[in-house]
Amino acid sequence: MPYILVSTQIRLETGPTNVGDEYSDPAVMNYLGARKTTMLGNNFAEYHVDDPPRLVLNKLEQIGFRVLTMTGVGQTLVWCLHRDAE
C-alpha cells in the first residue's frame, strides 16, 4: 500500500499521532510501533503511536515515504505520504 495518512490534533502536537486505518500495511505499522484501537462509538479501527508527528514523519522517510501534501482541517493536522511500489 503506497499511501499513508498521518494526523494529530493541534493541541496534541507532541503526540499521540494517528498513523493509519484498519487496512494499513501491518509491516509499516509494526515498524512504527503502532497499536490498533477502536474508539468508543466508531465502527472502524485506527493505528496510533505515542510519538509526535515529526518523529513519525522521520521514521517513514527512512523507509521511503515522502510527504505529498499537508493541511489543517479544523483542529487536526494531516499529512499524506507516498512511496513508490516495490
C-alpha atoms as a PDB file:
ATOM      1  CA  MET A   1       0.000   0.000   0.000  1.00  0.00           C
ATOM      2  CA  PRO A   2       1.910   3.078  -1.186  1.00  0.00           C
ATOM      3  CA  TYR A   3      -0.131   5.813   0.588  1.00  0.00           C
ATOM      4  CA  ILE A   4      -0.431   6.633   4.275  1.00  0.00           C
ATOM      5  CA  LEU A   5      -2.221   9.386   6.210  1.00  0.00           C
ATOM      6  CA  VAL A   6      -0.675  10.752   9.403  1.00  0.00           C
ATOM      7  CA  SER A   7      -2.664  13.090  11.642  1.00  0.00           C
ATOM      8  CA  THR A   8      -2.764  14.669  15.075  1.00  0.00           C
ATOM      9  CA  GLN A   9      -4.801  17.219  16.971  1.00  0.00           C
ATOM     10  CA  ILE A  10      -3.157  20.658  17.088  1.00  0.00           C
ATOM     11  CA  ARG A  11      -3.263  20.678  20.875  1.00  0.00           C
ATOM     12  CA  LEU A  12      -1.559  17.250  20.884  1.00  0.00           C
ATOM     13  CA  GLU A  13       1.344  18.078  18.577  1.00  0.00           C
ATOM     14  CA  THR A  14       3.684  16.205  20.942  1.00  0.00           C
ATOM     15  CA  GLY A  15       1.663  13.009  20.488  1.00  0.00           C
ATOM     16  CA  PRO A  16      -0.149  10.726  20.197  1.00  0.00           C
ATOM     17  CA  THR A  17      -0.191  10.533  16.411  1.00  0.00           C
ATOM     18  CA  ASN A  18      -2.677   8.671  14.194  1.00  0.00           C
ATOM     19  CA  VAL A  19      -0.727   6.709  11.604  1.00  0.00           C
ATOM     20  CA  GLY A  20      -3.183   4.589   9.693  1.00  0.00           C
ATOM     21  CA  ASP A  21      -6.514   2.843   9.451  1.00  0.00           C
ATOM     22  CA  GLU A  22      -7.512  -0.794   9.813  1.00  0.00           C
ATOM     23  CA  TYR A  23      -6.363  -1.516   6.245  1.00  0.00           C
ATOM     24  CA  SER A  24      -2.836  -0.097   6.663  1.00  0.00           C
ATOM     25  CA  ASP A  25       0.223  -2.223   5.926  1.00  0.00           C
ATOM     26  CA  PRO A  26       0.887  -4.274   9.083  1.00  0.00           C
ATOM     27  CA  ALA A  27       4.646  -4.266   8.438  1.00  0.00           C
ATOM     28  CA  VAL A  28       4.748  -0.450   8.385  1.00  0.00           C
ATOM     29  CA  MET A  29       2.552  -0.236  11.474  1.00  0.00           C
ATOM     30  CA  ASN A  30       4.836  -2.688  13.276  1.00  0.00           C
ATOM     31  CA  TYR A  31       7.909  -0.655  12.247  1.00  0.00           C
ATOM     32  CA  LEU A  32       6.305   2.475  13.732  1.00  0.00           C
ATOM     33  CA  GLY A  33       5.353   0.634  16.912  1.00  0.00           C
ATOM     34  CA  ALA A  34       1.699   1.460  16.310  1.00  0.00           C
ATOM     35  CA  ARG A  35      -1.188  -0.109  18.173  1.00  0.00           C
ATOM     36  CA  LYS A  36      -4.611  -0.709  16.625  1.00  0.00           C
ATOM     37  CA  THR A  37      -7.503   0.756  18.615  1.00  0.00           C
ATOM     38  CA  THR A  38     -11.210   1.319  18.114  1.00  0.00           C
ATOM     39  CA  MET A  39     -12.643   4.408  19.780  1.00  0.00           C
ATOM     40  CA  LEU A  40     -15.980   4.030  21.553  1.00  0.00           C
ATOM     41  CA  GLY A  41     -18.777   4.739  19.078  1.00  0.00           C
ATOM     42  CA  ASN A  42     -16.657   4.184  15.955  1.00  0.00           C
ATOM     43  CA  ASN A  43     -17.178   1.158  13.712  1.00  0.00           C
ATOM     44  CA  PHE A  44     -13.584   1.266  12.403  1.00  0.00           C
ATOM     45  CA  ALA A  45     -10.100   0.842  13.856  1.00  0.00           C
ATOM     46  CA  GLU A  46      -7.133   3.217  13.710  1.00  0.00           C
ATOM     47  CA  TYR A  47      -3.434   2.869  14.447  1.00  0.00           C
ATOM     48  CA  HIS A  48      -1.815   5.204  16.998  1.00  0.00           C
ATOM     49  CA  VAL A  49       1.710   5.825  18.277  1.00  0.00           C
ATOM     50  CA  ASP A  50       2.798   7.911  21.264  1.00  0.00           C
ATOM     51  CA  ASP A  51       5.492   9.685  19.209  1.00  0.00           C
ATOM     52  CA  PRO A  52       4.986  13.243  17.961  1.00  0.00           C
ATOM     53  CA  PRO A  53       4.284  13.673  14.231  1.00  0.00           C
ATOM     54  CA  ARG A  54       7.821  14.904  13.495  1.00  0.00           C
ATOM     55  CA  LEU A  55       9.339  11.622  14.698  1.00  0.00           C
ATOM     56  CA  VAL A  56       6.735   9.586  12.795  1.00  0.00           C
ATOM     57  CA  LEU A  57       7.459  11.514   9.581  1.00  0.00           C
ATOM     58  CA  ASN A  58      11.206  10.985  10.079  1.00  0.00           C
ATOM     59  CA  LYS A  59      10.694   7.223  10.541  1.00  0.00           C
ATOM     60  CA  LEU A  60       8.510   6.997   7.434  1.00  0.00           C
ATOM     61  CA  GLU A  61      11.072   8.890   5.374  1.00  0.00           C
ATOM     62  CA  GLN A  62      13.703   6.308   6.378  1.00  0.00           C
ATOM     63  CA  ILE A  63      11.635   3.583   4.711  1.00  0.00           C
ATOM     64  CA  GLY A  64      10.965   5.506   1.514  1.00  0.00           C
ATOM     65  CA  PHE A  65       7.843   7.581   2.167  1.00  0.00           C
ATOM     66  CA  ARG A  66       7.688  11.204   1.003  1.00  0.00           C
ATOM     67  CA  VAL A  67       5.203  13.881   2.061  1.00  0.00           C
ATOM     68  CA  LEU A  68       2.864  14.755  -0.820  1.00  0.00           C
ATOM     69  CA  THR A  69       0.786  17.332   0.985  1.00  0.00           C
ATOM     70  CA  MET A  70      -0.116  18.659   4.412  1.00  0.00           C
ATOM     71  CA  THR A  71      -3.175  20.566   5.595  1.00  0.00           C
ATOM     72  CA  GLY A  72      -5.090  21.645   8.642  1.00  0.00           C
ATOM     73  CA  VAL A  73      -8.694  20.512   8.988  1.00  0.00           C
ATOM     74  CA  GLY A  74     -10.333  22.254  11.938  1.00  0.00           C
ATOM     75  CA  GLN A  75      -8.105  21.379  14.903  1.00  0.00           C
ATOM     76  CA  THR A  76      -6.436  18.474  13.066  1.00  0.00           C
ATOM     77  CA  LEU A  77      -3.152  18.429  11.150  1.00  0.00           C
ATOM     78  CA  VAL A  78      -2.995  15.865   8.313  1.00  0.00           C
ATOM     79  CA  TRP A  79      -0.056  14.686   6.173  1.00  0.00           C
ATOM     80  CA  CYS A  80      -0.434  12.482   3.090  1.00  0.00           C
ATOM     81  CA  LEU A  81       2.650  10.417   2.275  1.00  0.00           C
ATOM     82  CA  HIS A  82       3.513   8.139  -0.633  1.00  0.00           C
ATOM     83  CA  ARG A  83       6.244   5.707  -1.531  1.00  0.00           C
ATOM     84  CA  ASP A  84       6.922   4.007  -4.819  1.00  0.00           C
ATOM     85  CA  ALA A  85       5.692   0.432  -5.115  1.00  0.00           C
ATOM     86  CA  GLU A  86       8.446  -2.074  -4.534  1.00  0.00           C
END
